[in-house]
Amino acid sequence: MRDRYTNYLLDGTKPLSGLRVALVYPPYGPVKNEPGIKVVKENYGLFPNLSLLYVAGTLEEAGCSVLFLDAHAEGLTLAQTRSRVRRFRPHFVGYTITTYLFHQVLRWIEAIKAECDVPVIVGGVHLGIYPLETLAHRAIDYGVTGEAETTLVPLLVALSRGEEPRGVPGVVYRDGEGRVRVTAAAPLLQNIDAAPFPARHLIDNGLYYSFVSRYRNFSPIITSRGCPYRCIFCEQGSKPFRGRSAANVAAELEVGHREHGVCEFDFFDSSFTIDKARVLAVCDEIRKRKLDIAWSARSRPDCVDREMLRAMARAGCMRIYYGIESGNTGILATLRKHSDLEQIRQVLDETRRAGIDTFGYFMIGSPGETFETVEQTIRFAIRLDLDYAQFSKVTPMPATELYDMYLSEAGHDFWRAFVLDESVDEPMSRPGTALTEEEVTALTREAYLRFYFRPHHVARAVLRVKSREELERYARTAWQMFLPDGTGEDGGGAGTAGSLVRRAGEGAFELVRLLLRPDRPLSRGGARISGGEATNTSSVIMAGSPRQPGEMEHSYP
């Protein structure tokens, strides 16, 4: 797409030459409404903010000088971050912001602006959902609702000229009278090969890892945007699928590996395997360039076949993250996941035969969820004999059909109220299920314990360990998981030695019980619950509800 907003990507002009922009990624902590349990989130890994690195690459391509501060990875305090921003003397400071971490980021924005009073620009999917509510906070001056490649550069050009950005698509701003204005939607970048690569040279790539990564120099990569599927819990299906060419993907891998020392890549696409021909071409390019890298990718179980799996393995793919979600067919239908349980089993068997590790994503608390369906999911995960599994609490995020269901049942826009006022924060209900927040959290922890602490799985995990650091990470996570509240904290008082001993004893007892009977049925109030198909309530759950935009919190630009 060649127009006045993206010419700089094609003709080499530098419209932002002489401009300085500081990009800040603040640290973040647990929040009440997030998919993970606390101990898992704290030990899941350390990932660079790919969205903000895309912004940095776009700015540099347009001639801008960029300071990139990953305060989370570098362990920077607020005072250290403010000092470095002040020394850089930026013309603007930029942040990416998500709905559920909104106030954690806002506190850093306010504190940094107090010492470095220059205009603040925020971006992210969130801005397209709650633009007015975001700029209700006076510390934020401008918002970018579209993709950075089509919006950010023309916005900065207009601002550097002293112009009001009323003619720039995809912008939220205050006019001369202080009223918040939202311009027309920006066009999507159709040729995403034209987008500059993430500016990995601005960070220390050796800081990053995931809890299953084999190498410390680790980086995510996004090879496509959008998704043709319409799972009710994800907002990506609302956007058209746009894939990068195989040559463009391989070129980024080569730059990351040869110039920045990245040894392991994680393909963050919602489903890398959607377009088989493109996948095979990417694998061919990796082999042609002789890239000695390890990589992993995400996929639906119904989007792979034997030929693709073998090609991926030959090109260095060592792990596939499969969105399995549930072991109950009724819930899978409600979620619009079209794989049947036997197909999932066959795909995982084929993946193992190709020499690729298997990782399954599961959710607890979906519409139609009961104690019986959770039991089916845990048993299914165990029978699949996955190498890894992640169990997440269902969280209705804006811009998803799941959030529409929530709005229909709850009758109010929780996330809008939260963005305006943090004090309203409280655990959200989940549409279509009577399970409480406490029950969903306990069941999620139960799923982790039963899956990971089976004797043969423990032995397999130990054999995989490649370093003392990895072993210590596993041991720390295991210890925290065994604490009865599953948070890694002594929730029973002031952290006395007696309390710690009591908890250690309870944890040891639970370990023995789990190792002896990993397949025991769940119980509620001491009552034994047998397995069985839950009643399919999708006809009730899918009843008409108001349409409300929202987002799935991923690191997408």
Protein backbone atom coordinates (compact mmCIF):
# COMPACT_ATOMS: atom_id res chain seq x y z
CA MET A 1 0.00 0.00 0.00
CA ARG A 2 1.58 3.25 -1.14
CA ASP A 3 -0.01 6.41 0.23
CA ARG A 4 1.03 9.54 2.05
CA TYR A 5 1.00 7.73 5.40
CA THR A 6 3.41 4.93 4.47
CA ASN A 7 5.61 6.49 1.77
CA TYR A 8 8.55 6.59 4.19
CA LEU A 9 8.53 2.77 4.29
CA LEU A 10 9.03 2.63 0.54
CA ASP A 11 11.01 5.65 -0.61
CA GLY A 12 13.61 5.91 2.17
CA THR A 13 12.66 9.39 3.33
CA LYS A 14 13.36 10.31 6.96
CA PRO A 15 10.46 12.55 8.03
CA LEU A 16 11.36 12.31 11.74
CA SER A 17 15.06 13.14 11.42
CA GLY A 18 16.24 15.02 14.53
CA LEU A 19 13.33 13.85 16.69
CA ARG A 20 13.98 11.92 19.93
CA VAL A 21 11.44 9.48 21.38
CA ALA A 22 11.83 7.45 24.58
CA LEU A 23 9.88 4.17 24.72
CA VAL A 24 9.30 2.74 28.19
CA TYR A 25 8.12 -0.73 29.16
CA PRO A 26 7.31 -0.63 32.91
CA PRO A 27 7.43 -3.64 35.20
CA TYR A 28 4.12 -5.29 36.00
CA GLY A 29 2.71 -7.42 38.76
CA PRO A 30 -0.33 -9.62 39.38
CA VAL A 31 -3.82 -8.25 38.88
CA LYS A 32 -7.19 -9.60 39.96
CA ASN A 33 -8.53 -10.44 36.51
CA GLU A 34 -5.90 -12.23 34.50
CA PRO A 35 -5.77 -15.71 32.99
CA GLY A 36 -2.85 -17.09 35.00
CA ILE A 37 -2.46 -18.01 38.63
CA LYS A 38 0.19 -16.02 40.47
CA VAL A 39 2.88 -18.69 40.82
CA VAL A 40 2.72 -19.55 37.12
CA LYS A 41 2.88 -15.93 36.01
CA GLU A 42 5.88 -15.24 38.22
CA ASN A 43 7.82 -18.20 36.81
CA TYR A 44 6.61 -18.20 33.20
CA GLY A 45 9.60 -16.35 31.80
CA LEU A 46 10.79 -12.95 30.67
CA PHE A 47 9.66 -11.73 27.25
CA PRO A 48 10.56 -8.55 25.40
CA ASN A 49 7.64 -6.31 24.45
CA LEU A 50 7.47 -7.07 20.74
CA SER A 51 4.80 -4.43 20.10
CA LEU A 52 7.03 -1.68 21.45
CA LEU A 53 10.04 -3.04 19.53
CA TYR A 54 7.99 -2.79 16.33
CA VAL A 55 7.26 0.82 17.24
CA ALA A 56 10.98 1.43 17.78
CA GLY A 57 11.80 -0.08 14.38
CA THR A 58 9.17 2.07 12.70
CA LEU A 59 10.48 5.23 14.35
CA GLU A 60 14.10 4.49 13.44
CA GLU A 61 13.10 3.76 9.85
CA ALA A 62 11.61 7.27 9.73
CA GLY A 63 14.84 8.82 11.04
CA CYS A 64 13.97 9.15 14.73
CA SER A 65 16.45 8.63 17.59
CA VAL A 66 15.00 6.09 20.04
CA LEU A 67 15.72 5.25 23.67
CA PHE A 68 14.21 1.87 24.58
CA LEU A 69 13.92 1.08 28.28
CA ASP A 70 12.67 -2.35 29.32
CA ALA A 71 12.45 -1.58 33.00
CA HIS A 72 10.84 -4.98 33.61
CA ALA A 73 13.72 -7.02 32.15
CA GLU A 74 16.52 -4.74 33.31
CA GLY A 75 15.14 -4.49 36.84
CA LEU A 76 15.12 -0.69 36.70
CA THR A 77 13.51 1.22 39.51
CA LEU A 78 11.20 4.11 38.78
CA ALA A 79 13.90 6.55 39.87
CA GLN A 80 16.48 4.96 37.56
CA THR A 81 14.05 5.01 34.65
CA ARG A 82 13.16 8.66 35.20
CA SER A 83 16.82 9.57 35.34
CA ARG A 84 17.61 7.84 32.05
CA VAL A 85 14.61 9.37 30.31
CA ARG A 86 15.57 12.83 31.56
CA ARG A 87 19.17 12.47 30.31
CA PHE A 88 17.91 11.46 26.86
CA ARG A 89 15.89 14.72 26.61
CA PRO A 90 13.10 13.22 24.48
CA HIS A 91 10.55 15.22 22.52
CA PHE A 92 7.96 12.50 23.24
CA VAL A 93 7.64 9.48 25.54
CA GLY A 94 5.74 6.41 24.31
CA TYR A 95 4.19 3.37 25.97
CA THR A 96 2.12 0.36 24.95
CA ILE A 97 -0.84 -0.21 27.21
CA THR A 98 -3.27 -3.06 27.80
CA THR A 99 -6.63 -3.00 29.51
CA TYR A 100 -5.96 -5.24 32.48
CA LEU A 101 -2.54 -3.67 33.23
CA PHE A 102 -3.82 -0.15 32.55
CA HIS A 103 -3.30 1.36 35.99
CA GLN A 104 0.08 -0.24 36.59
CA VAL A 105 1.37 1.46 33.43
CA LEU A 106 -0.50 4.68 34.19
CA ARG A 107 1.30 5.09 37.52
CA TRP A 108 4.65 5.01 35.71
CA ILE A 109 3.39 7.41 33.06
CA GLU A 110 2.34 9.91 35.71
CA ALA A 111 5.56 9.58 37.71
CA ILE A 112 7.86 9.96 34.68
CA LYS A 113 5.87 12.87 33.30
CA ALA A 114 6.20 14.67 36.64
CA GLU A 115 9.96 14.92 36.00
CA CYS A 116 10.01 14.93 32.20
CA ASP A 117 7.06 17.02 31.09
CA VAL A 118 6.86 16.18 27.39
CA PRO A 119 3.84 14.79 25.48
CA VAL A 120 2.95 11.16 26.18
CA ILE A 121 1.73 8.85 23.40
CA VAL A 122 0.21 5.44 24.14
CA GLY A 123 -0.74 2.64 21.76
CA GLY A 124 -2.04 -0.89 21.68
CA VAL A 125 -5.27 -2.70 20.88
CA HIS A 126 -6.73 -1.17 24.04
CA LEU A 127 -6.81 2.30 22.45
CA GLY A 128 -9.24 1.15 19.79
CA ILE A 129 -11.62 -0.03 22.51
CA TYR A 130 -11.57 2.63 25.21
CA PRO A 131 -10.07 5.77 23.60
CA LEU A 132 -12.18 8.32 25.48
CA GLU A 133 -11.72 6.59 28.81
CA THR A 134 -7.95 6.41 28.29
CA LEU A 135 -7.56 10.13 27.62
CA ALA A 136 -9.75 10.90 30.61
CA HIS A 137 -6.40 10.58 32.42
CA ARG A 138 -4.62 13.89 31.89
CA ALA A 139 -1.10 12.41 31.94
CA ILE A 140 -1.83 10.81 28.55
CA ASP A 141 -1.79 13.29 25.65
CA TYR A 142 -2.24 11.15 22.53
CA GLY A 143 -3.39 7.65 21.64
CA VAL A 144 -2.75 5.55 18.54
CA THR A 145 -5.71 3.30 17.73
CA GLY A 146 -4.27 1.79 14.54
CA GLU A 147 -1.06 0.05 13.55
CA ALA A 148 2.10 2.04 14.18
CA GLU A 149 3.31 1.84 10.57
CA THR A 150 0.26 3.75 9.27
CA THR A 151 -0.44 6.11 12.18
CA LEU A 152 2.49 6.96 14.43
CA VAL A 153 4.85 8.61 11.94
CA PRO A 154 2.25 10.99 10.41
CA LEU A 155 1.08 11.83 13.95
CA LEU A 156 4.60 12.81 15.00
CA VAL A 157 5.11 14.78 11.78
CA ALA A 158 1.96 16.79 12.48
CA LEU A 159 2.89 17.38 16.13
CA SER A 160 6.45 18.41 15.33
CA ARG A 161 4.99 21.06 13.00
CA GLY A 162 2.72 22.34 15.74
CA GLU A 163 -0.41 21.09 13.95
CA GLU A 164 -3.50 19.52 15.46
CA PRO A 165 -3.66 15.89 14.18
CA ARG A 166 -7.29 16.07 13.10
CA GLY A 167 -6.42 14.79 9.62
CA VAL A 168 -4.32 11.80 10.76
CA PRO A 169 -6.32 8.53 10.85
CA GLY A 170 -6.20 6.36 13.96
CA VAL A 171 -5.49 9.06 16.55
CA VAL A 172 -7.03 10.13 19.87
CA TYR A 173 -6.17 13.63 21.09
CA ARG A 174 -7.49 16.72 22.89
CA ASP A 175 -8.39 19.72 20.80
CA GLY A 176 -7.63 23.32 21.69
CA GLU A 177 -10.61 23.41 24.04
CA GLY A 178 -9.61 20.23 25.87
CA ARG A 179 -12.25 17.99 24.30
CA VAL A 180 -11.16 14.46 23.42
CA ARG A 181 -11.35 13.77 19.69
CA VAL A 182 -11.08 10.45 17.85
CA THR A 183 -10.14 10.57 14.17
CA ALA A 184 -11.29 8.11 11.50
CA ALA A 185 -9.98 4.56 11.68
CA ALA A 186 -6.58 4.07 10.08
CA PRO A 187 -6.21 1.59 7.21
CA LEU A 188 -4.49 -1.69 7.96
CA LEU A 189 -1.04 -2.19 6.49
CA GLN A 190 -1.80 -4.68 3.74
CA ASN A 191 1.79 -5.48 2.75
CA ILE A 192 3.23 -6.29 6.14
CA ASP A 193 6.56 -7.19 4.53
CA ALA A 194 6.97 -3.40 4.36
CA ALA A 195 6.97 -3.13 8.16
CA PRO A 196 10.46 -2.64 9.66
CA PHE A 197 11.78 -5.46 11.80
CA PRO A 198 11.55 -5.11 15.59
CA ALA A 199 14.53 -3.09 16.87
CA ARG A 200 16.24 -5.94 18.75
CA HIS A 201 19.55 -4.04 18.73
CA LEU A 202 18.07 -1.72 21.38
CA ILE A 203 17.75 -4.48 24.01
CA ASP A 204 19.95 -7.11 25.63
CA ASN A 205 18.53 -10.25 24.05
CA GLY A 206 20.40 -12.39 26.57
CA LEU A 207 17.98 -11.31 29.29
CA TYR A 208 14.97 -13.09 27.83
CA TYR A 209 13.69 -16.64 28.19
CA SER A 210 10.53 -18.65 28.69
CA PHE A 211 10.18 -21.36 31.30
CA VAL A 212 10.49 -24.00 28.56
CA SER A 213 13.12 -22.28 26.39
CA ARG A 214 16.41 -24.11 25.87
CA TYR A 215 18.55 -21.04 25.25
CA ARG A 216 18.90 -17.75 27.08
CA ASN A 217 19.16 -15.61 23.93
CA PHE A 218 15.48 -15.95 23.21
CA SER A 219 13.07 -13.79 21.23
CA PRO A 220 9.48 -13.90 20.02
CA ILE A 221 8.66 -13.21 16.38
CA ILE A 222 5.35 -12.46 14.63
CA THR A 223 5.00 -13.66 11.04
CA SER A 224 1.34 -12.73 10.46
CA ARG A 225 -1.46 -10.54 11.75
CA GLY A 226 -5.11 -11.41 12.17
CA CYS A 227 -6.79 -14.83 12.07
CA PRO A 228 -9.53 -16.41 9.93
CA TYR A 229 -11.03 -18.29 12.89
CA ARG A 230 -13.49 -16.80 15.34
CA CYS A 231 -12.89 -18.38 18.75
CA ILE A 232 -15.15 -16.63 21.24
CA PHE A 233 -12.34 -15.82 23.70
CA CYS A 234 -9.92 -14.15 21.24
CA GLU A 235 -10.14 -10.81 19.45
CA GLN A 236 -7.73 -11.74 16.64
CA GLY A 237 -10.52 -13.33 14.59
CA SER A 238 -12.04 -9.91 14.04
CA LYS A 239 -9.07 -8.92 11.87
CA PRO A 240 -8.21 -10.22 8.38
CA PHE A 241 -5.33 -12.66 8.15
CA ARG A 242 -2.20 -11.08 6.64
CA GLY A 243 0.89 -13.26 6.36
CA ARG A 244 4.46 -12.16 5.73
CA SER A 245 6.36 -13.77 2.87
CA ALA A 246 8.69 -16.65 3.64
CA ALA A 247 11.72 -14.63 2.52
CA ASN A 248 10.79 -11.73 4.80
CA VAL A 249 10.31 -14.04 7.81
CA ALA A 250 13.61 -15.82 7.18
CA ALA A 251 15.40 -12.49 6.76
CA GLU A 252 14.27 -11.39 10.24
CA LEU A 253 15.35 -14.73 11.70
CA GLU A 254 18.74 -14.33 10.05
CA VAL A 255 19.24 -10.79 11.32
CA GLY A 256 18.17 -11.81 14.81
CA HIS A 257 20.50 -14.80 14.85
CA ARG A 258 23.60 -13.50 13.08
CA GLU A 259 23.55 -9.87 14.25
CA HIS A 260 21.91 -10.08 17.68
CA GLY A 261 22.85 -13.59 18.81
CA VAL A 262 19.32 -14.92 19.20
CA CYS A 263 19.46 -18.72 19.37
CA GLU A 264 15.81 -19.51 19.98
CA PHE A 265 12.68 -17.94 18.48
CA ASP A 266 9.05 -18.30 19.53
CA PHE A 267 6.55 -17.68 16.72
CA PHE A 268 3.86 -15.66 18.49
CA ASP A 269 1.30 -15.86 15.66
CA SER A 270 -2.10 -16.93 17.00
CA SER A 271 -1.76 -19.89 14.60
CA PHE A 272 1.41 -20.06 12.51
CA THR A 273 0.15 -23.09 10.56
CA ILE A 274 -2.96 -21.54 8.96
CA ASP A 275 -1.40 -21.34 5.46
CA LYS A 276 0.36 -24.64 4.70
CA ALA A 277 2.15 -23.38 1.59
CA ARG A 278 3.59 -20.44 3.52
CA VAL A 279 4.72 -22.69 6.38
CA LEU A 280 6.54 -25.02 3.99
CA ALA A 281 8.15 -22.03 2.25
CA VAL A 282 9.35 -20.58 5.58
CA CYS A 283 10.88 -23.95 6.49
CA ASP A 284 12.62 -24.12 3.11
CA GLU A 285 14.04 -20.60 3.58
CA ILE A 286 15.40 -21.46 7.04
CA ARG A 287 17.23 -24.48 5.61
CA LYS A 288 18.50 -22.64 2.53
CA ARG A 289 20.04 -19.96 4.75
CA LYS A 290 21.55 -22.63 7.01
CA LEU A 291 20.17 -21.00 10.14
CA ASP A 292 21.20 -23.02 13.16
CA ILE A 293 18.29 -21.94 15.34
CA ALA A 294 15.68 -23.58 17.52
CA TRP A 295 12.10 -22.39 17.29
CA SER A 296 8.56 -23.08 18.40
CA ALA A 297 5.14 -22.13 17.07
CA ARG A 298 1.45 -22.02 17.97
CA SER A 299 -1.18 -24.00 16.12
CA ARG A 300 -4.69 -25.32 16.16
CA PRO A 301 -4.78 -29.14 16.13
CA ASP A 302 -6.82 -29.06 12.90
CA CYS A 303 -4.23 -26.98 10.99
CA VAL A 304 -1.32 -29.43 10.65
CA ASP A 305 -0.55 -32.63 8.78
CA ARG A 306 2.36 -35.08 8.53
CA GLU A 307 4.11 -33.27 5.67
CA MET A 308 4.03 -29.95 7.50
CA LEU A 309 5.22 -31.41 10.80
CA ARG A 310 8.19 -33.14 9.20
CA ALA A 311 9.14 -29.98 7.31
CA MET A 312 8.96 -27.94 10.52
CA ALA A 313 11.11 -30.47 12.38
CA ARG A 314 13.77 -30.45 9.65
CA ALA A 315 13.89 -26.65 9.86
CA GLY A 316 14.55 -26.63 13.61
CA CYS A 317 11.06 -26.57 15.15
CA MET A 318 11.33 -28.21 18.54
CA ARG A 319 7.95 -27.42 20.11
CA ILE A 320 4.36 -26.74 19.04
CA TYR A 321 1.88 -25.04 21.36
CA TYR A 322 -1.56 -26.47 20.59
CA GLY A 323 -4.76 -24.66 21.55
CA ILE A 324 -6.70 -27.65 22.90
CA GLU A 325 -8.71 -25.72 25.54
CA SER A 326 -11.00 -28.48 26.89
CA GLY A 327 -11.61 -32.21 27.09
CA ASN A 328 -15.35 -31.74 26.77
CA THR A 329 -16.88 -31.75 23.27
CA GLY A 330 -19.78 -29.48 24.22
CA ILE A 331 -17.43 -26.80 25.52
CA LEU A 332 -15.22 -27.10 22.43
CA ALA A 333 -18.29 -26.46 20.27
CA THR A 334 -19.23 -23.41 22.32
CA LEU A 335 -15.68 -22.03 22.01
CA ARG A 336 -15.80 -22.68 18.23
CA LYS A 337 -12.88 -25.09 18.39
CA HIS A 338 -13.74 -27.61 15.68
CA SER A 339 -11.26 -30.38 16.51
CA ASP A 340 -12.70 -33.57 17.97
CA LEU A 341 -10.90 -35.35 20.80
CA GLU A 342 -9.69 -38.25 18.64
CA GLN A 343 -8.29 -35.85 16.04
CA ILE A 344 -6.38 -34.02 18.77
CA ARG A 345 -4.90 -37.29 20.01
CA GLN A 346 -3.82 -38.31 16.51
CA VAL A 347 -2.23 -34.93 15.78
CA LEU A 348 -0.22 -35.06 19.00
CA ASP A 349 0.96 -38.58 18.21
CA GLU A 350 2.04 -37.43 14.75
CA THR A 351 3.84 -34.42 16.27
CA ARG A 352 5.82 -36.66 18.61
CA ARG A 353 6.73 -38.98 15.73
CA ALA A 354 8.15 -35.97 13.90
CA GLY A 355 10.43 -35.33 16.90
CA ILE A 356 8.64 -32.17 18.09
CA ASP A 357 7.69 -31.55 21.72
CA THR A 358 3.99 -30.98 22.46
CA PHE A 359 2.55 -28.21 24.60
CA GLY A 360 -1.17 -27.97 25.28
CA TYR A 361 -3.15 -24.88 26.21
CA PHE A 362 -6.24 -25.51 28.35
CA MET A 363 -8.80 -23.19 29.91
CA ILE A 364 -10.77 -23.57 33.14
CA GLY A 365 -14.08 -21.72 33.53
CA SER A 366 -15.49 -21.67 29.99
CA PRO A 367 -19.22 -21.28 29.31
CA GLY A 368 -20.85 -24.56 30.28
CA GLU A 369 -18.00 -25.47 32.68
CA THR A 370 -18.77 -27.64 35.70
CA PHE A 371 -16.70 -29.71 38.09
CA GLU A 372 -17.38 -32.69 35.84
CA THR A 373 -16.11 -30.96 32.67
CA VAL A 374 -12.96 -29.76 34.44
CA GLU A 375 -12.34 -33.36 35.49
CA GLN A 376 -12.71 -34.43 31.85
CA THR A 377 -10.20 -31.78 30.77
CA ILE A 378 -7.59 -32.78 33.34
CA ARG A 379 -7.98 -36.48 32.54
CA PHE A 380 -7.74 -35.70 28.82
CA ALA A 381 -4.56 -33.66 29.31
CA ILE A 382 -3.01 -36.51 31.28
CA ARG A 383 -4.00 -39.15 28.71
CA LEU A 384 -2.52 -37.07 25.87
CA ASP A 385 0.85 -37.34 27.63
CA LEU A 386 1.89 -33.85 26.54
CA ASP A 387 5.39 -32.65 27.28
CA TYR A 388 3.99 -29.44 28.74
CA ALA A 389 0.59 -28.01 29.57
CA GLN A 390 -0.70 -24.61 30.56
CA PHE A 391 -4.00 -24.25 32.39
CA SER A 392 -5.48 -20.76 32.35
CA LYS A 393 -8.47 -19.24 34.06
CA VAL A 394 -11.04 -18.03 31.55
CA THR A 395 -11.09 -14.22 31.63
CA PRO A 396 -13.59 -12.27 29.51
CA MET A 397 -11.46 -9.72 27.65
CA PRO A 398 -12.92 -6.82 25.67
CA ALA A 399 -13.51 -7.15 21.90
CA THR A 400 -14.38 -10.83 22.25
CA GLU A 401 -17.67 -12.66 21.97
CA LEU A 402 -17.01 -14.03 25.44
CA TYR A 403 -17.11 -10.47 26.74
CA ASP A 404 -20.41 -9.91 24.92
CA MET A 405 -21.75 -12.86 26.92
CA TYR A 406 -20.41 -11.29 30.10
CA LEU A 407 -22.09 -7.96 29.28
CA SER A 408 -25.38 -9.73 28.67
CA GLU A 409 -25.24 -11.46 32.05
CA ALA A 410 -23.58 -8.77 34.17
CA GLY A 411 -25.36 -5.78 32.64
CA HIS A 412 -22.39 -3.40 32.90
CA ASP A 413 -19.07 -2.77 31.13
CA PHE A 414 -16.59 -3.82 33.79
CA TRP A 415 -13.45 -2.95 31.82
CA ARG A 416 -14.68 0.54 30.93
CA ALA A 417 -15.37 1.26 34.59
CA PHE A 418 -11.98 -0.17 35.55
CA VAL A 419 -10.08 2.05 33.09
CA LEU A 420 -11.83 5.10 34.52
CA ASP A 421 -11.42 4.11 38.16
CA GLU A 422 -9.08 1.42 39.53
CA SER A 423 -11.03 1.24 42.79
CA VAL A 424 -13.82 -0.71 41.09
CA ASP A 425 -11.45 -3.63 40.44
CA GLU A 426 -12.87 -6.93 41.63
CA PRO A 427 -12.87 -10.52 40.33
CA MET A 428 -15.18 -10.80 37.33
CA SER A 429 -17.86 -13.43 36.99
CA ARG A 430 -17.62 -15.87 34.08
CA PRO A 431 -20.56 -16.18 31.70
CA GLY A 432 -22.35 -19.49 31.40
CA THR A 433 -20.83 -21.16 34.45
CA ALA A 434 -21.71 -21.24 38.13
CA LEU A 435 -18.09 -21.84 39.19
CA THR A 436 -16.82 -19.09 41.48
CA GLU A 437 -13.47 -17.31 41.21
CA GLU A 438 -12.18 -19.28 44.19
CA GLU A 439 -13.26 -22.57 42.64
CA VAL A 440 -11.76 -21.76 39.22
CA THR A 441 -8.45 -20.74 40.84
CA ALA A 442 -8.35 -23.90 42.98
CA LEU A 443 -9.22 -26.11 40.00
CA THR A 444 -6.53 -24.47 37.85
CA ARG A 445 -3.91 -25.15 40.49
CA GLU A 446 -5.26 -28.69 40.88
CA ALA A 447 -4.82 -29.24 37.14
CA TYR A 448 -1.17 -28.17 37.30
CA LEU A 449 -0.43 -30.42 40.25
CA ARG A 450 -2.04 -33.49 38.76
CA PHE A 451 -0.45 -32.99 35.35
CA TYR A 452 3.12 -32.14 36.30
CA PHE A 453 3.72 -34.26 39.39
CA ARG A 454 3.17 -37.69 37.91
CA PRO A 455 6.27 -39.86 38.52
CA HIS A 456 7.18 -40.47 34.87
CA HIS A 457 6.58 -36.83 33.98
CA VAL A 458 8.84 -35.66 36.80
CA ALA A 459 11.55 -38.07 35.59
CA ARG A 460 11.19 -36.86 32.01
CA ALA A 461 11.43 -33.23 33.12
CA VAL A 462 14.60 -33.89 35.13
CA LEU A 463 16.25 -35.56 32.13
CA ARG A 464 15.51 -32.47 30.03
CA VAL A 465 17.26 -30.06 32.38
CA LYS A 466 20.32 -28.50 30.71
CA SER A 467 21.56 -26.11 33.42
CA ARG A 468 21.58 -25.46 37.14
CA GLU A 469 19.55 -22.31 36.52
CA GLU A 470 16.82 -24.32 34.80
CA LEU A 471 16.77 -26.89 37.62
CA GLU A 472 16.51 -24.13 40.24
CA ARG A 473 13.67 -22.52 38.29
CA TYR A 474 11.71 -25.80 38.18
CA ALA A 475 12.34 -26.49 41.86
CA ARG A 476 11.25 -23.01 42.91
CA THR A 477 8.05 -23.23 40.88
CA ALA A 478 7.26 -26.68 42.26
CA TRP A 479 7.76 -25.52 45.85
CA GLN A 480 5.53 -22.50 45.35
CA MET A 481 2.86 -24.59 43.65
CA PHE A 482 2.65 -26.91 46.64
CA LEU A 483 1.81 -24.13 49.08
CA PRO A 484 -1.88 -24.63 49.83
CA ASP A 485 -3.01 -21.26 48.44
CA GLY A 486 -1.06 -21.89 45.22
CA THR A 487 0.37 -18.39 45.20
CA GLY A 488 3.89 -18.90 46.47
CA GLU A 489 3.09 -16.83 49.56
CA ASP A 490 2.38 -17.77 53.14
CA GLY A 491 -1.23 -16.69 53.18
CA GLY A 492 -1.83 -18.03 56.69
CA GLY A 493 -0.47 -15.16 58.72
CA ALA A 494 2.75 -13.31 59.33
CA GLY A 495 5.08 -15.85 57.75
CA THR A 496 6.18 -17.49 61.02
CA ALA A 497 8.40 -20.56 61.13
CA GLY A 498 5.51 -22.60 62.51
CA SER A 499 3.29 -21.64 59.61
CA LEU A 500 6.03 -22.51 57.11
CA VAL A 501 6.55 -25.93 58.68
CA ARG A 502 2.80 -26.55 58.67
CA ARG A 503 2.57 -25.65 55.00
CA ALA A 504 5.62 -27.74 54.12
CA GLY A 505 4.02 -30.73 55.82
CA GLU A 506 0.76 -30.23 53.98
CA GLY A 507 2.64 -29.84 50.70
CA ALA A 508 4.63 -33.03 51.30
CA PHE A 509 1.43 -34.95 52.06
CA GLU A 510 -0.17 -33.64 48.88
CA LEU A 511 2.92 -34.59 46.85
CA VAL A 512 2.73 -38.20 48.03
CA ARG A 513 -1.01 -38.32 47.37
CA LEU A 514 -0.60 -36.90 43.87
CA LEU A 515 2.25 -39.20 42.91
CA LEU A 516 0.27 -42.23 44.05
CA ARG A 517 -3.06 -41.20 42.49
CA PRO A 518 -2.58 -38.58 39.74
CA ASP A 519 -5.89 -39.55 38.11
CA ARG A 520 -8.09 -39.22 41.19
CA PRO A 521 -11.47 -37.56 40.53
CA LEU A 522 -12.14 -34.03 41.66
CA SER A 523 -14.26 -33.47 44.71
CA ARG A 524 -16.46 -30.71 45.94
CA GLY A 525 -17.04 -30.38 49.65
CA GLY A 526 -15.68 -33.90 50.15
CA ALA A 527 -18.20 -35.46 47.74
CA ARG A 528 -16.90 -37.71 45.00
CA ILE A 529 -17.82 -36.58 41.48
CA SER A 530 -17.86 -39.01 38.59
CA GLY A 531 -17.00 -38.06 35.03
CA GLY A 532 -19.51 -37.60 32.25
CA GLU A 533 -20.55 -35.22 29.49
CA ALA A 534 -21.95 -31.93 30.72
CA THR A 535 -25.20 -30.65 29.31
CA ASN A 536 -24.50 -28.44 26.30
CA THR A 537 -25.78 -25.00 27.31
CA SER A 538 -24.60 -23.18 24.20
CA SER A 539 -28.15 -22.48 23.04
CA VAL A 540 -28.71 -20.42 26.18
CA ILE A 541 -25.25 -18.88 26.30
CA MET A 542 -25.35 -17.78 22.67
CA ALA A 543 -28.58 -15.83 23.06
CA GLY A 544 -28.44 -12.31 21.66
CA SER A 545 -26.19 -9.88 23.52
CA PRO A 546 -25.01 -6.32 22.83
CA ARG A 547 -21.88 -6.00 20.71
CA GLN A 548 -18.99 -4.49 22.63
CA PRO A 549 -15.49 -4.08 21.21
CA GLY A 550 -12.60 -5.41 23.26
CA GLU A 551 -9.24 -7.12 23.13
CA MET A 552 -7.29 -10.26 23.79
CA GLU A 553 -4.11 -9.32 25.61
CA HIS A 554 -1.34 -10.47 23.28
CA SER A 555 1.87 -8.84 22.19
CA TYR A 556 0.57 -7.92 18.77
CA PRO A 557 1.41 -4.57 17.18
